[in-house]
Amino acid sequence: MKKLIFIDAGVLIAAARGNDEIAEKAMEILDNPEVSFGSSIFVKLEVLPKPLYHKKKLEVMFYESFFDSVSIWAEPSPKLIQNAYEEAINLGLSAIDALHVSAAASIGADEFVTSEGFTRPIHRTRILPIRTIAL
């Protein structure tokens, strides 16, 4: 069975827009045939609206291709939102980071991959392993 990875919005943005070492690390993960991906409407909401509004067709196509490859979607629910709220309160997470982590946990993701550095609050979570592509 493939490892299930939940990709944070920053990783997708780095892959779509970048041409540096962070973008390369992001693409290594996204191009790995030995993993499957989980996601949520929260990630979609974070990455797609602005490039759609600004008519950045290539960036939109990149994100849509990723979302088409997602094998399991976290369903927004009162329980997921309550868990996110508690994670935010207990760890000082931003609302969107708490939603992402809770969504990843709700689908049983094996790992959460982010572009945020080790000093960021998201690394305080213990509900699933966090990996960063930050330098």
N, C-alpha and C. Protein backbone atom coordinates (compact mmCIF):
# COMPACT_ATOMS: atom_id res chain seq x y z
N MET A 1 0.83 -1.19 0.00
CA MET A 1 0.00 0.00 0.00
C MET A 1 0.87 1.26 0.00
N LYS A 2 0.48 2.24 -0.76
CA LYS A 2 1.24 3.49 -0.86
C LYS A 2 1.08 4.33 0.40
N LYS A 3 2.11 5.07 0.71
CA LYS A 3 2.08 6.02 1.81
C LYS A 3 1.15 7.16 1.42
N LEU A 4 0.24 7.55 2.32
CA LEU A 4 -0.69 8.64 2.07
C LEU A 4 -0.12 9.94 2.64
N ILE A 5 0.09 10.90 1.75
CA ILE A 5 0.67 12.19 2.14
C ILE A 5 -0.33 13.30 1.90
N PHE A 6 -0.45 14.18 2.88
CA PHE A 6 -1.27 15.38 2.76
C PHE A 6 -0.32 16.53 2.47
N ILE A 7 -0.52 17.20 1.34
CA ILE A 7 0.36 18.27 0.90
C ILE A 7 -0.22 19.63 1.31
N ASP A 8 0.58 20.40 2.02
CA ASP A 8 0.19 21.75 2.45
C ASP A 8 0.19 22.68 1.23
N ALA A 9 -0.61 23.72 1.31
CA ALA A 9 -0.73 24.68 0.21
C ALA A 9 0.62 25.29 -0.18
N GLY A 10 1.46 25.58 0.78
CA GLY A 10 2.76 26.18 0.48
C GLY A 10 3.63 25.31 -0.40
N VAL A 11 3.51 24.00 -0.26
CA VAL A 11 4.28 23.07 -1.09
C VAL A 11 3.78 23.16 -2.54
N LEU A 12 2.47 23.20 -2.70
CA LEU A 12 1.91 23.32 -4.04
C LEU A 12 2.29 24.65 -4.69
N ILE A 13 2.22 25.72 -3.92
CA ILE A 13 2.58 27.04 -4.44
C ILE A 13 4.05 27.08 -4.84
N ALA A 14 4.91 26.50 -4.00
CA ALA A 14 6.35 26.46 -4.33
C ALA A 14 6.58 25.70 -5.62
N ALA A 15 5.90 24.57 -5.78
CA ALA A 15 6.07 23.77 -6.99
C ALA A 15 5.55 24.50 -8.23
N ALA A 16 4.44 25.18 -8.08
CA ALA A 16 3.81 25.85 -9.22
C ALA A 16 4.55 27.11 -9.64
N ARG A 17 5.07 27.86 -8.70
CA ARG A 17 5.63 29.17 -9.00
C ARG A 17 7.15 29.23 -8.97
N GLY A 18 7.76 28.28 -8.29
CA GLY A 18 9.19 28.40 -8.03
C GLY A 18 10.09 27.79 -9.07
N ASN A 19 11.35 28.15 -8.98
CA ASN A 19 12.39 27.53 -9.79
C ASN A 19 13.66 27.45 -8.96
N ASP A 20 13.49 27.27 -7.65
CA ASP A 20 14.61 27.21 -6.73
C ASP A 20 14.64 25.83 -6.06
N GLU A 21 15.47 25.70 -5.03
CA GLU A 21 15.64 24.43 -4.35
C GLU A 21 14.36 23.96 -3.65
N ILE A 22 13.60 24.90 -3.11
CA ILE A 22 12.32 24.55 -2.48
C ILE A 22 11.37 23.97 -3.52
N ALA A 23 11.30 24.59 -4.67
CA ALA A 23 10.44 24.08 -5.76
C ALA A 23 10.88 22.68 -6.18
N GLU A 24 12.18 22.45 -6.25
CA GLU A 24 12.68 21.13 -6.61
C GLU A 24 12.28 20.09 -5.58
N LYS A 25 12.40 20.44 -4.30
CA LYS A 25 11.99 19.52 -3.23
C LYS A 25 10.49 19.22 -3.33
N ALA A 26 9.71 20.25 -3.59
CA ALA A 26 8.26 20.07 -3.73
C ALA A 26 7.96 19.12 -4.89
N MET A 27 8.61 19.33 -6.02
CA MET A 27 8.36 18.48 -7.19
C MET A 27 8.81 17.04 -6.97
N GLU A 28 9.87 16.83 -6.21
CA GLU A 28 10.31 15.46 -5.89
C GLU A 28 9.19 14.71 -5.17
N ILE A 29 8.54 15.38 -4.25
CA ILE A 29 7.44 14.75 -3.51
C ILE A 29 6.24 14.53 -4.42
N LEU A 30 5.89 15.55 -5.18
CA LEU A 30 4.70 15.45 -6.04
C LEU A 30 4.88 14.45 -7.17
N ASP A 31 6.11 14.22 -7.60
CA ASP A 31 6.39 13.28 -8.69
C ASP A 31 6.69 11.86 -8.21
N ASN A 32 6.62 11.62 -6.93
CA ASN A 32 6.95 10.30 -6.37
C ASN A 32 5.81 9.31 -6.65
N PRO A 33 6.05 8.29 -7.47
CA PRO A 33 4.99 7.33 -7.80
C PRO A 33 4.67 6.37 -6.65
N GLU A 34 5.47 6.41 -5.59
CA GLU A 34 5.27 5.49 -4.47
C GLU A 34 4.39 6.05 -3.37
N VAL A 35 3.81 7.21 -3.60
CA VAL A 35 2.91 7.81 -2.61
C VAL A 35 1.57 8.14 -3.26
N SER A 36 0.57 8.26 -2.40
CA SER A 36 -0.72 8.78 -2.86
C SER A 36 -1.00 10.04 -2.04
N PHE A 37 -1.92 10.84 -2.54
CA PHE A 37 -2.15 12.13 -1.92
C PHE A 37 -3.56 12.26 -1.38
N GLY A 38 -3.64 12.94 -0.24
CA GLY A 38 -4.91 13.34 0.33
C GLY A 38 -4.97 14.86 0.32
N SER A 39 -6.18 15.39 0.31
CA SER A 39 -6.32 16.84 0.34
C SER A 39 -7.69 17.20 0.89
N SER A 40 -8.00 18.50 0.82
CA SER A 40 -9.28 18.99 1.30
C SER A 40 -9.67 20.25 0.54
N ILE A 41 -10.90 20.61 0.68
CA ILE A 41 -11.39 21.85 0.08
C ILE A 41 -10.64 23.05 0.65
N PHE A 42 -10.11 22.92 1.86
CA PHE A 42 -9.38 24.02 2.47
C PHE A 42 -8.09 24.33 1.69
N VAL A 43 -7.40 23.29 1.22
CA VAL A 43 -6.20 23.49 0.42
C VAL A 43 -6.59 24.11 -0.92
N LYS A 44 -7.64 23.57 -1.51
CA LYS A 44 -8.11 24.11 -2.79
C LYS A 44 -8.46 25.59 -2.65
N LEU A 45 -9.13 25.94 -1.57
CA LEU A 45 -9.52 27.32 -1.32
C LEU A 45 -8.30 28.22 -1.11
N GLU A 46 -7.24 27.66 -0.59
CA GLU A 46 -6.05 28.47 -0.35
C GLU A 46 -5.25 28.71 -1.64
N VAL A 47 -5.26 27.75 -2.57
CA VAL A 47 -4.38 27.91 -3.72
C VAL A 47 -5.06 28.34 -5.03
N LEU A 48 -6.31 28.02 -5.25
CA LEU A 48 -6.91 28.26 -6.56
C LEU A 48 -7.57 29.62 -6.81
N PRO A 49 -8.25 30.23 -5.86
CA PRO A 49 -8.99 31.45 -6.19
C PRO A 49 -8.18 32.58 -6.82
N LYS A 50 -7.03 32.91 -6.29
CA LYS A 50 -6.26 34.03 -6.85
C LYS A 50 -5.76 33.76 -8.26
N PRO A 51 -5.14 32.60 -8.53
CA PRO A 51 -4.72 32.39 -9.92
C PRO A 51 -5.91 32.29 -10.88
N LEU A 52 -7.05 31.81 -10.41
CA LEU A 52 -8.25 31.81 -11.27
C LEU A 52 -8.68 33.25 -11.56
N TYR A 53 -8.73 34.06 -10.53
CA TYR A 53 -9.13 35.46 -10.69
C TYR A 53 -8.19 36.20 -11.63
N HIS A 54 -6.88 35.96 -11.46
CA HIS A 54 -5.88 36.67 -12.26
C HIS A 54 -5.58 35.98 -13.60
N LYS A 55 -6.36 34.93 -13.89
CA LYS A 55 -6.26 34.21 -15.16
C LYS A 55 -4.85 33.67 -15.44
N LYS A 56 -4.26 33.09 -14.40
CA LYS A 56 -2.94 32.46 -14.54
C LYS A 56 -3.16 30.99 -14.92
N LYS A 57 -3.37 30.77 -16.20
CA LYS A 57 -3.82 29.48 -16.69
C LYS A 57 -2.86 28.33 -16.36
N LEU A 58 -1.57 28.54 -16.51
CA LEU A 58 -0.62 27.46 -16.24
C LEU A 58 -0.61 27.07 -14.76
N GLU A 59 -0.68 28.08 -13.90
CA GLU A 59 -0.72 27.80 -12.47
C GLU A 59 -2.01 27.06 -12.10
N VAL A 60 -3.12 27.50 -12.67
CA VAL A 60 -4.40 26.83 -12.42
C VAL A 60 -4.34 25.38 -12.91
N MET A 61 -3.78 25.17 -14.09
CA MET A 61 -3.67 23.82 -14.63
C MET A 61 -2.80 22.93 -13.73
N PHE A 62 -1.74 23.49 -13.18
CA PHE A 62 -0.88 22.73 -12.27
C PHE A 62 -1.67 22.27 -11.05
N TYR A 63 -2.38 23.21 -10.42
CA TYR A 63 -3.16 22.86 -9.22
C TYR A 63 -4.26 21.86 -9.55
N GLU A 64 -4.95 22.08 -10.64
CA GLU A 64 -6.04 21.18 -11.01
C GLU A 64 -5.52 19.77 -11.30
N SER A 65 -4.34 19.68 -11.90
CA SER A 65 -3.73 18.39 -12.15
C SER A 65 -3.43 17.68 -10.82
N PHE A 66 -2.90 18.43 -9.86
CA PHE A 66 -2.66 17.84 -8.54
C PHE A 66 -3.98 17.36 -7.94
N PHE A 67 -4.98 18.22 -7.91
CA PHE A 67 -6.25 17.85 -7.28
C PHE A 67 -6.91 16.65 -7.98
N ASP A 68 -6.70 16.53 -9.28
CA ASP A 68 -7.21 15.36 -10.00
C ASP A 68 -6.51 14.07 -9.56
N SER A 69 -5.29 14.20 -9.05
CA SER A 69 -4.53 13.02 -8.62
C SER A 69 -4.81 12.62 -7.18
N VAL A 70 -5.54 13.44 -6.45
CA VAL A 70 -5.82 13.15 -5.04
C VAL A 70 -6.68 11.90 -4.94
N SER A 71 -6.25 10.98 -4.08
CA SER A 71 -6.97 9.71 -3.95
C SER A 71 -8.00 9.72 -2.82
N ILE A 72 -7.83 10.62 -1.87
CA ILE A 72 -8.81 10.69 -0.76
C ILE A 72 -8.96 12.14 -0.32
N TRP A 73 -10.22 12.53 -0.18
CA TRP A 73 -10.55 13.91 0.21
C TRP A 73 -11.11 13.92 1.63
N ALA A 74 -10.61 14.84 2.44
CA ALA A 74 -11.17 15.04 3.78
C ALA A 74 -12.51 15.76 3.63
N GLU A 75 -13.50 15.25 4.29
CA GLU A 75 -14.83 15.86 4.26
C GLU A 75 -14.95 16.89 5.38
N PRO A 76 -15.27 18.13 5.06
CA PRO A 76 -15.50 19.11 6.12
C PRO A 76 -16.66 18.64 7.00
N SER A 77 -16.48 18.71 8.27
CA SER A 77 -17.52 18.27 9.20
C SER A 77 -17.39 19.07 10.50
N PRO A 78 -18.44 19.09 11.28
CA PRO A 78 -18.33 19.77 12.58
C PRO A 78 -17.20 19.18 13.44
N LYS A 79 -17.01 17.86 13.38
CA LYS A 79 -15.95 17.23 14.18
C LYS A 79 -14.57 17.70 13.70
N LEU A 80 -14.35 17.73 12.39
CA LEU A 80 -13.06 18.19 11.85
C LEU A 80 -12.80 19.63 12.30
N ILE A 81 -13.81 20.47 12.21
CA ILE A 81 -13.65 21.88 12.58
C ILE A 81 -13.42 22.03 14.08
N GLN A 82 -14.11 21.25 14.89
CA GLN A 82 -13.87 21.28 16.34
C GLN A 82 -12.45 20.84 16.67
N ASN A 83 -11.99 19.77 16.01
CA ASN A 83 -10.61 19.30 16.23
C ASN A 83 -9.61 20.38 15.82
N ALA A 84 -9.88 21.06 14.70
CA ALA A 84 -9.00 22.15 14.26
C ALA A 84 -8.98 23.28 15.28
N TYR A 85 -10.15 23.61 15.79
CA TYR A 85 -10.26 24.68 16.79
C TYR A 85 -9.43 24.34 18.03
N GLU A 86 -9.54 23.11 18.49
CA GLU A 86 -8.78 22.68 19.68
C GLU A 86 -7.28 22.67 19.40
N GLU A 87 -6.89 22.22 18.22
CA GLU A 87 -5.48 22.20 17.85
C GLU A 87 -4.95 23.64 17.78
N ALA A 88 -5.74 24.55 17.25
CA ALA A 88 -5.33 25.96 17.16
C ALA A 88 -5.15 26.56 18.55
N ILE A 89 -6.09 26.30 19.43
CA ILE A 89 -6.01 26.84 20.79
C ILE A 89 -4.80 26.26 21.54
N ASN A 90 -4.65 24.94 21.46
CA ASN A 90 -3.61 24.27 22.24
C ASN A 90 -2.20 24.52 21.73
N LEU A 91 -2.06 24.79 20.42
CA LEU A 91 -0.73 24.89 19.84
C LEU A 91 -0.40 26.25 19.23
N GLY A 92 -1.36 27.17 19.23
CA GLY A 92 -1.13 28.48 18.65
C GLY A 92 -1.08 28.46 17.13
N LEU A 93 -1.82 27.54 16.51
CA LEU A 93 -1.84 27.44 15.05
C LEU A 93 -2.76 28.49 14.45
N SER A 94 -2.46 28.87 13.22
CA SER A 94 -3.39 29.72 12.47
C SER A 94 -4.61 28.87 12.14
N ALA A 95 -5.71 29.52 11.82
CA ALA A 95 -6.94 28.80 11.50
C ALA A 95 -6.72 27.84 10.33
N ILE A 96 -6.08 28.30 9.26
CA ILE A 96 -5.93 27.45 8.08
C ILE A 96 -4.99 26.29 8.35
N ASP A 97 -3.91 26.52 9.09
CA ASP A 97 -3.01 25.41 9.43
C ASP A 97 -3.72 24.37 10.29
N ALA A 98 -4.52 24.83 11.23
CA ALA A 98 -5.27 23.90 12.08
C ALA A 98 -6.26 23.09 11.24
N LEU A 99 -6.92 23.73 10.29
CA LEU A 99 -7.84 23.01 9.41
C LEU A 99 -7.09 21.99 8.56
N HIS A 100 -5.94 22.36 8.01
CA HIS A 100 -5.16 21.43 7.19
C HIS A 100 -4.72 20.22 8.00
N VAL A 101 -4.17 20.44 9.19
CA VAL A 101 -3.68 19.34 10.02
C VAL A 101 -4.84 18.43 10.43
N SER A 102 -5.95 19.02 10.80
CA SER A 102 -7.11 18.22 11.19
C SER A 102 -7.68 17.44 10.01
N ALA A 103 -7.68 18.06 8.84
CA ALA A 103 -8.14 17.36 7.63
C ALA A 103 -7.23 16.17 7.34
N ALA A 104 -5.93 16.39 7.44
CA ALA A 104 -4.97 15.31 7.18
C ALA A 104 -5.18 14.16 8.17
N ALA A 105 -5.35 14.49 9.44
CA ALA A 105 -5.58 13.45 10.45
C ALA A 105 -6.89 12.72 10.20
N SER A 106 -7.90 13.43 9.74
CA SER A 106 -9.22 12.82 9.55
C SER A 106 -9.23 11.75 8.45
N ILE A 107 -8.29 11.84 7.51
CA ILE A 107 -8.23 10.83 6.45
C ILE A 107 -7.16 9.78 6.72
N GLY A 108 -6.51 9.89 7.87
CA GLY A 108 -5.48 8.92 8.23
C GLY A 108 -4.19 9.08 7.45
N ALA A 109 -3.86 10.32 7.09
CA ALA A 109 -2.61 10.56 6.36
C ALA A 109 -1.42 10.07 7.18
N ASP A 110 -0.46 9.49 6.48
CA ASP A 110 0.76 9.01 7.13
C ASP A 110 1.72 10.15 7.44
N GLU A 111 1.56 11.25 6.69
CA GLU A 111 2.49 12.36 6.82
C GLU A 111 1.86 13.63 6.27
N PHE A 112 2.24 14.75 6.85
CA PHE A 112 1.83 16.07 6.39
C PHE A 112 3.09 16.78 5.92
N VAL A 113 3.11 17.21 4.67
CA VAL A 113 4.30 17.88 4.13
C VAL A 113 4.00 19.36 3.96
N THR A 114 4.86 20.19 4.54
CA THR A 114 4.68 21.64 4.54
C THR A 114 5.94 22.33 4.03
N SER A 115 5.80 23.58 3.71
CA SER A 115 6.96 24.41 3.34
C SER A 115 7.36 25.30 4.50
N GLU A 116 6.67 25.17 5.61
CA GLU A 116 6.96 26.03 6.76
C GLU A 116 8.16 25.50 7.55
N GLY A 117 9.00 26.43 8.00
CA GLY A 117 10.20 26.07 8.74
C GLY A 117 9.90 25.50 10.12
N PHE A 118 10.93 24.93 10.73
CA PHE A 118 10.78 24.24 12.02
C PHE A 118 10.34 25.14 13.16
N THR A 119 10.50 26.44 13.04
CA THR A 119 10.11 27.34 14.12
C THR A 119 8.63 27.70 14.07
N ARG A 120 7.94 27.30 13.03
CA ARG A 120 6.51 27.64 12.87
C ARG A 120 5.66 26.72 13.75
N PRO A 121 4.54 27.24 14.25
CA PRO A 121 3.68 26.48 15.16
C PRO A 121 3.17 25.14 14.61
N ILE A 122 3.06 25.00 13.30
CA ILE A 122 2.52 23.75 12.75
C ILE A 122 3.36 22.54 13.17
N HIS A 123 4.63 22.76 13.46
CA HIS A 123 5.50 21.66 13.87
C HIS A 123 5.25 21.21 15.32
N ARG A 124 4.38 21.91 16.02
CA ARG A 124 4.03 21.50 17.39
C ARG A 124 3.00 20.37 17.42
N THR A 125 2.29 20.16 16.32
CA THR A 125 1.24 19.16 16.33
C THR A 125 1.81 17.77 16.55
N ARG A 126 1.04 16.94 17.19
CA ARG A 126 1.43 15.55 17.44
C ARG A 126 0.39 14.58 16.89
N ILE A 127 -0.57 15.10 16.14
CA ILE A 127 -1.63 14.22 15.65
C ILE A 127 -1.22 13.46 14.39
N LEU A 128 -0.11 13.90 13.76
CA LEU A 128 0.48 13.15 12.65
C LEU A 128 1.88 13.71 12.40
N PRO A 129 2.73 12.92 11.76
CA PRO A 129 4.09 13.40 11.48
C PRO A 129 4.08 14.56 10.49
N ILE A 130 4.93 15.54 10.76
CA ILE A 130 5.08 16.71 9.90
C ILE A 130 6.48 16.67 9.29
N ARG A 131 6.55 16.89 7.98
CA ARG A 131 7.83 17.00 7.27
C ARG A 131 7.85 18.34 6.56
N THR A 132 9.00 18.98 6.56
CA THR A 132 9.11 20.27 5.87
C THR A 132 10.10 20.18 4.72
N ILE A 133 9.83 20.98 3.70
CA ILE A 133 10.77 21.12 2.59
C ILE A 133 11.55 22.42 2.72
N ALA A 134 11.32 23.14 3.84
CA ALA A 134 12.02 24.41 4.07
C ALA A 134 13.51 24.14 4.19
N LEU A 135 14.28 25.13 3.78
CA LEU A 135 15.75 25.00 3.87
C LEU A 135 16.24 25.35 5.24
